[in-house]
Amino acid sequence: MTLPWNPNNYPPINPLMGTQFQPSIAGNQLIKVKDLDSAKAYPTSPNSSFALFEENDDVMYIKTTDANNFPTIRKFRFKEEPLEVPNSTQYVTIDEFNKFKEEILNAKQFVQQSANTNSKWNTDQFEQSVTANRQRYEDDWKQ
């Protein structure tokens, strides 16, 4: 129904009520602005907070409004941090582990054979064996 004083068929607006604009953001989209002036001009509703991202720079603006729709803007700059790559010398490869496992099993068999035959090493033979094995392991780990 068209009223004579409102020929455009739009509902009448009460100027005392004012209009409140609530921007709609679909899904997880970022709100992109051109610069600080665009962030200041971005429409917000009272008691709201928005993260606004600058299109061409690593800058984020947080625009917050109070109950009277008075805005406060804070500016943040992003800085890329490199990912830390673990030091590869702290880990053992599968080949190194299998080699070490084989040496341990061989040593275990040797000890069992020695215990079964009741043969005893003298101190000099034992010290020579330990020194040779220690040097070999140190050389392997330095590589």
N, C-alpha and C. Protein backbone atom coordinates (compact mmCIF):
# COMPACT_ATOMS: atom_id res chain seq x y z
N MET A 1 0.84 -1.17 0.00
CA MET A 1 0.00 0.00 0.00
C MET A 1 0.89 1.23 0.00
N THR A 2 0.67 2.09 -0.93
CA THR A 2 1.46 3.32 -1.05
C THR A 2 0.74 4.44 -0.32
N LEU A 3 1.49 5.04 0.57
CA LEU A 3 0.93 6.16 1.32
C LEU A 3 1.23 7.45 0.58
N PRO A 4 0.35 8.44 0.65
CA PRO A 4 0.57 9.66 -0.12
C PRO A 4 1.82 10.41 0.31
N TRP A 5 2.23 10.33 1.54
CA TRP A 5 3.41 11.07 1.98
C TRP A 5 4.70 10.27 1.82
N ASN A 6 4.60 8.99 1.38
CA ASN A 6 5.77 8.14 1.17
C ASN A 6 5.63 7.45 -0.18
N PRO A 7 5.92 8.15 -1.27
CA PRO A 7 5.67 7.57 -2.59
C PRO A 7 6.65 6.48 -3.00
N ASN A 8 7.75 6.24 -2.27
CA ASN A 8 8.77 5.28 -2.69
C ASN A 8 8.55 3.88 -2.15
N ASN A 9 7.50 3.65 -1.37
CA ASN A 9 7.21 2.36 -0.75
C ASN A 9 8.28 1.89 0.24
N TYR A 10 9.13 2.77 0.69
CA TYR A 10 10.09 2.43 1.72
C TYR A 10 9.44 2.67 3.07
N PRO A 11 9.78 1.87 4.08
CA PRO A 11 9.20 2.13 5.40
C PRO A 11 9.69 3.47 5.92
N PRO A 12 8.85 4.18 6.64
CA PRO A 12 9.28 5.47 7.16
C PRO A 12 10.38 5.31 8.20
N ILE A 13 11.32 6.22 8.22
CA ILE A 13 12.44 6.20 9.16
C ILE A 13 12.21 7.27 10.21
N ASN A 14 12.31 6.88 11.45
CA ASN A 14 12.19 7.83 12.54
C ASN A 14 13.58 8.40 12.79
N PRO A 15 13.84 9.67 12.55
CA PRO A 15 15.18 10.22 12.72
C PRO A 15 15.63 10.22 14.17
N LEU A 16 14.76 10.08 15.13
CA LEU A 16 15.16 10.05 16.53
C LEU A 16 15.71 8.68 16.93
N MET A 17 15.31 7.62 16.22
CA MET A 17 15.79 6.28 16.55
C MET A 17 17.23 6.08 16.10
N GLY A 18 17.60 6.67 15.00
CA GLY A 18 18.94 6.44 14.46
C GLY A 18 19.01 5.07 13.81
N THR A 19 20.01 4.86 13.05
CA THR A 19 20.19 3.55 12.41
C THR A 19 21.51 2.96 12.89
N GLN A 20 21.46 1.68 13.15
CA GLN A 20 22.67 0.98 13.57
C GLN A 20 23.05 0.01 12.47
N PHE A 21 24.31 0.02 12.14
CA PHE A 21 24.80 -0.85 11.07
C PHE A 21 25.62 -1.96 11.69
N GLN A 22 25.27 -3.18 11.40
CA GLN A 22 26.05 -4.33 11.86
C GLN A 22 26.63 -5.02 10.64
N PRO A 23 27.95 -4.89 10.40
CA PRO A 23 28.52 -5.55 9.24
C PRO A 23 28.41 -7.06 9.38
N SER A 24 28.13 -7.71 8.29
CA SER A 24 28.04 -9.16 8.32
C SER A 24 29.32 -9.74 7.73
N ILE A 25 29.84 -10.74 8.42
CA ILE A 25 31.07 -11.40 7.98
C ILE A 25 30.72 -12.86 7.78
N ALA A 26 30.86 -13.34 6.56
CA ALA A 26 30.50 -14.72 6.25
C ALA A 26 31.67 -15.64 6.53
N GLY A 27 31.43 -16.67 7.31
CA GLY A 27 32.45 -17.69 7.56
C GLY A 27 33.67 -17.15 8.28
N ASN A 28 34.83 -17.64 7.88
CA ASN A 28 36.10 -17.26 8.50
C ASN A 28 36.87 -16.30 7.61
N GLN A 29 36.19 -15.40 6.93
CA GLN A 29 36.86 -14.47 6.04
C GLN A 29 37.52 -13.35 6.83
N LEU A 30 38.66 -12.91 6.33
CA LEU A 30 39.36 -11.78 6.94
C LEU A 30 38.77 -10.49 6.40
N ILE A 31 38.70 -9.50 7.25
CA ILE A 31 38.24 -8.19 6.81
C ILE A 31 39.48 -7.43 6.36
N LYS A 32 39.54 -7.10 5.08
CA LYS A 32 40.72 -6.43 4.53
C LYS A 32 40.40 -4.96 4.29
N VAL A 33 41.35 -4.11 4.65
CA VAL A 33 41.24 -2.68 4.42
C VAL A 33 42.47 -2.21 3.67
N LYS A 34 42.37 -1.02 3.09
CA LYS A 34 43.46 -0.50 2.27
C LYS A 34 44.57 0.11 3.13
N ASP A 35 44.18 0.89 4.15
CA ASP A 35 45.16 1.57 5.00
C ASP A 35 44.46 1.99 6.30
N LEU A 36 45.15 2.81 7.09
CA LEU A 36 44.61 3.24 8.38
C LEU A 36 43.32 4.04 8.19
N ASP A 37 43.26 4.88 7.18
CA ASP A 37 42.05 5.66 6.94
C ASP A 37 40.86 4.75 6.63
N SER A 38 41.10 3.70 5.87
CA SER A 38 40.03 2.74 5.57
C SER A 38 39.59 2.01 6.84
N ALA A 39 40.54 1.70 7.72
CA ALA A 39 40.18 1.05 8.98
C ALA A 39 39.35 1.98 9.85
N LYS A 40 39.71 3.26 9.87
CA LYS A 40 38.93 4.23 10.64
C LYS A 40 37.52 4.36 10.08
N ALA A 41 37.38 4.27 8.76
CA ALA A 41 36.09 4.45 8.12
C ALA A 41 35.24 3.18 8.13
N TYR A 42 35.81 2.04 8.51
CA TYR A 42 35.06 0.79 8.49
C TYR A 42 33.90 0.89 9.48
N PRO A 43 32.67 0.63 9.05
CA PRO A 43 31.50 0.79 9.94
C PRO A 43 31.43 -0.32 10.99
N THR A 44 31.15 0.07 12.20
CA THR A 44 31.02 -0.88 13.31
C THR A 44 29.78 -0.53 14.12
N SER A 45 29.35 -1.46 14.93
CA SER A 45 28.22 -1.22 15.82
C SER A 45 28.76 -1.00 17.23
N PRO A 46 27.93 -0.45 18.12
CA PRO A 46 28.39 -0.21 19.50
C PRO A 46 28.78 -1.53 20.19
N ASN A 47 29.73 -1.42 21.11
CA ASN A 47 30.20 -2.56 21.90
C ASN A 47 30.67 -3.72 21.03
N SER A 48 31.48 -3.43 20.04
CA SER A 48 31.97 -4.48 19.16
C SER A 48 33.47 -4.30 18.95
N SER A 49 34.07 -5.36 18.44
CA SER A 49 35.50 -5.35 18.18
C SER A 49 35.76 -6.11 16.89
N PHE A 50 36.61 -5.56 16.03
CA PHE A 50 36.91 -6.18 14.73
C PHE A 50 38.41 -6.17 14.50
N ALA A 51 38.90 -7.25 13.89
CA ALA A 51 40.29 -7.32 13.43
C ALA A 51 40.27 -7.00 11.95
N LEU A 52 40.97 -5.95 11.57
CA LEU A 52 41.03 -5.50 10.18
C LEU A 52 42.46 -5.67 9.68
N PHE A 53 42.61 -6.29 8.53
CA PHE A 53 43.94 -6.61 8.00
C PHE A 53 44.22 -5.75 6.78
N GLU A 54 45.40 -5.15 6.77
CA GLU A 54 45.80 -4.32 5.64
C GLU A 54 46.14 -5.22 4.45
N GLU A 55 45.68 -4.83 3.27
CA GLU A 55 45.83 -5.67 2.08
C GLU A 55 47.28 -5.85 1.63
N ASN A 56 48.07 -4.78 1.64
CA ASN A 56 49.40 -4.82 1.02
C ASN A 56 50.55 -4.80 2.00
N ASP A 57 50.26 -4.95 3.28
CA ASP A 57 51.31 -4.91 4.28
C ASP A 57 50.95 -5.87 5.41
N ASP A 58 51.92 -6.26 6.20
CA ASP A 58 51.69 -7.17 7.32
C ASP A 58 51.26 -6.37 8.55
N VAL A 59 50.09 -5.73 8.44
CA VAL A 59 49.57 -4.87 9.51
C VAL A 59 48.16 -5.31 9.84
N MET A 60 47.85 -5.31 11.14
CA MET A 60 46.50 -5.60 11.60
C MET A 60 46.04 -4.46 12.49
N TYR A 61 44.79 -4.04 12.29
CA TYR A 61 44.18 -3.03 13.14
C TYR A 61 43.08 -3.69 13.95
N ILE A 62 43.03 -3.38 15.23
CA ILE A 62 41.93 -3.82 16.08
C ILE A 62 41.08 -2.59 16.33
N LYS A 63 39.86 -2.63 15.81
CA LYS A 63 38.94 -1.51 15.98
C LYS A 63 37.88 -1.93 17.00
N THR A 64 37.81 -1.20 18.09
CA THR A 64 36.89 -1.50 19.17
C THR A 64 36.01 -0.28 19.40
N THR A 65 34.73 -0.52 19.62
CA THR A 65 33.81 0.59 19.90
C THR A 65 33.18 0.39 21.27
N ASP A 66 32.88 1.52 21.93
CA ASP A 66 32.23 1.46 23.23
C ASP A 66 30.72 1.55 23.05
N ALA A 67 29.99 1.71 24.15
CA ALA A 67 28.53 1.74 24.10
C ALA A 67 28.01 2.93 23.30
N ASN A 68 28.76 4.00 23.22
CA ASN A 68 28.36 5.18 22.45
C ASN A 68 28.88 5.14 21.02
N ASN A 69 29.41 4.00 20.61
CA ASN A 69 29.97 3.78 19.27
C ASN A 69 31.20 4.67 19.01
N PHE A 70 31.94 4.99 20.07
CA PHE A 70 33.18 5.75 19.93
C PHE A 70 34.31 4.75 19.66
N PRO A 71 34.99 4.86 18.51
CA PRO A 71 36.00 3.85 18.14
C PRO A 71 37.38 4.12 18.74
N THR A 72 38.07 3.03 18.99
CA THR A 72 39.48 3.04 19.37
C THR A 72 40.19 2.08 18.43
N ILE A 73 41.29 2.54 17.85
CA ILE A 73 42.02 1.69 16.91
C ILE A 73 43.44 1.46 17.43
N ARG A 74 43.85 0.18 17.39
CA ARG A 74 45.23 -0.19 17.73
C ARG A 74 45.86 -0.83 16.51
N LYS A 75 47.14 -0.57 16.29
CA LYS A 75 47.85 -1.07 15.11
C LYS A 75 48.91 -2.08 15.54
N PHE A 76 48.96 -3.21 14.83
CA PHE A 76 49.94 -4.26 15.10
C PHE A 76 50.64 -4.62 13.81
N ARG A 77 51.92 -4.94 13.91
CA ARG A 77 52.69 -5.35 12.74
C ARG A 77 53.11 -6.81 12.94
N PHE A 78 52.94 -7.59 11.87
CA PHE A 78 53.34 -8.99 11.89
C PHE A 78 54.80 -9.12 11.48
N LYS A 79 55.48 -10.05 12.12
CA LYS A 79 56.85 -10.36 11.75
C LYS A 79 56.96 -11.88 11.63
N GLU A 80 57.42 -12.35 10.49
CA GLU A 80 57.54 -13.78 10.27
C GLU A 80 58.71 -14.33 11.08
N GLU A 81 58.46 -15.41 11.76
CA GLU A 81 59.49 -16.08 12.54
C GLU A 81 59.84 -17.39 11.83
N PRO A 82 61.12 -17.66 11.62
CA PRO A 82 61.49 -18.92 10.96
C PRO A 82 61.21 -20.10 11.88
N LEU A 83 60.84 -21.22 11.27
CA LEU A 83 60.61 -22.44 12.03
C LEU A 83 61.95 -23.03 12.44
N GLU A 84 61.99 -23.53 13.65
CA GLU A 84 63.22 -24.14 14.13
C GLU A 84 63.33 -25.55 13.58
N VAL A 85 64.46 -25.85 12.96
CA VAL A 85 64.71 -27.17 12.42
C VAL A 85 65.56 -27.92 13.44
N PRO A 86 65.11 -29.09 13.87
CA PRO A 86 65.89 -29.82 14.87
C PRO A 86 67.27 -30.20 14.32
N ASN A 87 68.24 -30.20 15.20
CA ASN A 87 69.60 -30.55 14.83
C ASN A 87 69.66 -32.04 14.51
N SER A 88 70.01 -32.37 13.27
CA SER A 88 69.97 -33.76 12.83
C SER A 88 71.07 -34.61 13.47
N THR A 89 72.08 -34.01 14.07
CA THR A 89 73.15 -34.80 14.67
C THR A 89 72.72 -35.40 16.00
N GLN A 90 71.56 -35.02 16.51
CA GLN A 90 71.09 -35.57 17.78
C GLN A 90 70.34 -36.88 17.60
N TYR A 91 70.06 -37.27 16.36
CA TYR A 91 69.26 -38.45 16.10
C TYR A 91 70.11 -39.53 15.45
N VAL A 92 69.70 -40.77 15.67
CA VAL A 92 70.40 -41.91 15.12
C VAL A 92 69.60 -42.40 13.92
N THR A 93 70.30 -42.70 12.84
CA THR A 93 69.62 -43.26 11.67
C THR A 93 69.32 -44.73 11.93
N ILE A 94 68.47 -45.31 11.11
CA ILE A 94 68.11 -46.72 11.28
C ILE A 94 69.33 -47.60 11.05
N ASP A 95 70.16 -47.24 10.08
CA ASP A 95 71.37 -48.03 9.82
C ASP A 95 72.32 -47.99 11.01
N GLU A 96 72.49 -46.80 11.61
CA GLU A 96 73.35 -46.69 12.78
C GLU A 96 72.79 -47.50 13.94
N PHE A 97 71.46 -47.45 14.11
CA PHE A 97 70.85 -48.21 15.20
C PHE A 97 71.04 -49.71 14.99
N ASN A 98 70.81 -50.18 13.77
CA ASN A 98 70.97 -51.62 13.49
C ASN A 98 72.41 -52.07 13.69
N LYS A 99 73.37 -51.23 13.30
CA LYS A 99 74.79 -51.55 13.50
C LYS A 99 75.11 -51.64 14.99
N PHE A 100 74.59 -50.68 15.76
CA PHE A 100 74.82 -50.68 17.21
C PHE A 100 74.17 -51.90 17.86
N LYS A 101 72.96 -52.23 17.41
CA LYS A 101 72.25 -53.38 17.95
C LYS A 101 73.03 -54.67 17.68
N GLU A 102 73.58 -54.79 16.48
CA GLU A 102 74.37 -55.97 16.13
C GLU A 102 75.62 -56.07 17.02
N GLU A 103 76.27 -54.95 17.25
CA GLU A 103 77.47 -54.95 18.11
C GLU A 103 77.12 -55.34 19.54
N ILE A 104 75.99 -54.88 20.04
CA ILE A 104 75.57 -55.25 21.40
C ILE A 104 75.27 -56.74 21.48
N LEU A 105 74.55 -57.24 20.47
CA LEU A 105 74.24 -58.67 20.48
C LEU A 105 75.51 -59.51 20.37
N ASN A 106 76.48 -59.08 19.56
CA ASN A 106 77.75 -59.80 19.46
C ASN A 106 78.49 -59.77 20.79
N ALA A 107 78.47 -58.63 21.45
CA ALA A 107 79.14 -58.53 22.76
C ALA A 107 78.45 -59.42 23.77
N LYS A 108 77.12 -59.50 23.72
CA LYS A 108 76.37 -60.36 24.65
C LYS A 108 76.73 -61.82 24.43
N GLN A 109 76.82 -62.23 23.14
CA GLN A 109 77.21 -63.61 22.85
C GLN A 109 78.62 -63.90 23.33
N PHE A 110 79.51 -62.92 23.17
CA PHE A 110 80.89 -63.10 23.61
C PHE A 110 80.96 -63.27 25.13
N VAL A 111 80.17 -62.48 25.85
CA VAL A 111 80.16 -62.58 27.31
C VAL A 111 79.61 -63.94 27.73
N GLN A 112 78.53 -64.38 27.06
CA GLN A 112 77.96 -65.68 27.40
C GLN A 112 78.95 -66.81 27.11
N GLN A 113 79.64 -66.71 25.98
CA GLN A 113 80.63 -67.74 25.65
C GLN A 113 81.76 -67.74 26.66
N SER A 114 82.17 -66.54 27.08
CA SER A 114 83.26 -66.46 28.06
C SER A 114 82.83 -67.06 29.39
N ALA A 115 81.58 -66.81 29.77
CA ALA A 115 81.09 -67.35 31.03
C ALA A 115 80.96 -68.86 30.96
N ASN A 116 80.57 -69.37 29.80
CA ASN A 116 80.40 -70.81 29.66
C ASN A 116 81.73 -71.55 29.64
N THR A 117 82.77 -70.96 29.09
CA THR A 117 84.06 -71.65 29.01
C THR A 117 84.94 -71.36 30.21
N ASN A 118 84.44 -70.49 31.10
CA ASN A 118 85.19 -70.12 32.30
C ASN A 118 86.55 -69.54 31.97
N SER A 119 86.67 -68.95 30.79
CA SER A 119 87.93 -68.30 30.46
C SER A 119 87.90 -66.89 31.00
N LYS A 120 89.03 -66.42 31.40
CA LYS A 120 89.12 -65.08 31.96
C LYS A 120 90.10 -64.26 31.14
N TRP A 121 89.72 -63.03 30.97
CA TRP A 121 90.63 -62.10 30.31
C TRP A 121 91.55 -61.54 31.37
N ASN A 122 92.71 -61.23 30.91
CA ASN A 122 93.55 -60.49 31.84
C ASN A 122 93.24 -59.00 31.69
N THR A 123 93.70 -58.18 32.57
CA THR A 123 93.37 -56.76 32.60
C THR A 123 93.84 -56.04 31.35
N ASP A 124 94.98 -56.41 30.83
CA ASP A 124 95.51 -55.74 29.63
C ASP A 124 94.60 -55.98 28.42
N GLN A 125 94.14 -57.21 28.24
CA GLN A 125 93.24 -57.51 27.12
C GLN A 125 91.94 -56.72 27.22
N PHE A 126 91.38 -56.64 28.43
CA PHE A 126 90.13 -55.91 28.64
C PHE A 126 90.31 -54.42 28.33
N GLU A 127 91.38 -53.80 28.83
CA GLU A 127 91.61 -52.39 28.60
C GLU A 127 91.83 -52.10 27.12
N GLN A 128 92.54 -52.95 26.42
CA GLN A 128 92.75 -52.77 24.99
C GLN A 128 91.43 -52.85 24.22
N SER A 129 90.57 -53.78 24.59
CA SER A 129 89.27 -53.92 23.93
C SER A 129 88.39 -52.69 24.17
N VAL A 130 88.35 -52.21 25.40
CA VAL A 130 87.53 -51.04 25.73
C VAL A 130 88.05 -49.81 24.99
N THR A 131 89.37 -49.61 24.96
CA THR A 131 89.95 -48.45 24.28
C THR A 131 89.66 -48.50 22.78
N ALA A 132 89.78 -49.66 22.17
CA ALA A 132 89.52 -49.80 20.73
C ALA A 132 88.04 -49.51 20.42
N ASN A 133 87.15 -50.06 21.22
CA ASN A 133 85.71 -49.83 20.99
C ASN A 133 85.34 -48.37 21.22
N ARG A 134 85.89 -47.75 22.25
CA ARG A 134 85.59 -46.34 22.54
C ARG A 134 86.04 -45.47 21.37
N GLN A 135 87.23 -45.72 20.86
CA GLN A 135 87.74 -44.93 19.74
C GLN A 135 86.87 -45.12 18.50
N ARG A 136 86.43 -46.35 18.25
CA ARG A 136 85.59 -46.63 17.09
C ARG A 136 84.24 -45.92 17.22
N TYR A 137 83.62 -45.92 18.39
CA TYR A 137 82.33 -45.23 18.58
C TYR A 137 82.49 -43.72 18.45
N GLU A 138 83.57 -43.18 19.01
CA GLU A 138 83.79 -41.74 18.90
C GLU A 138 83.97 -41.32 17.43
N ASP A 139 84.69 -42.14 16.66
CA ASP A 139 84.87 -41.84 15.24
C ASP A 139 83.55 -41.91 14.48
N ASP A 140 82.71 -42.90 14.81
CA ASP A 140 81.41 -43.05 14.14
C ASP A 140 80.50 -41.87 14.45
N TRP A 141 80.50 -41.37 15.69
CA TRP A 141 79.61 -40.28 16.07
C TRP A 141 80.07 -38.93 15.53
N LYS A 142 81.37 -38.80 15.25
CA LYS A 142 81.87 -37.55 14.70
C LYS A 142 81.45 -37.36 13.25
N GLN A 143 81.15 -38.44 12.56
CA GLN A 143 80.78 -38.36 11.14
C GLN A 143 79.44 -37.80 10.94
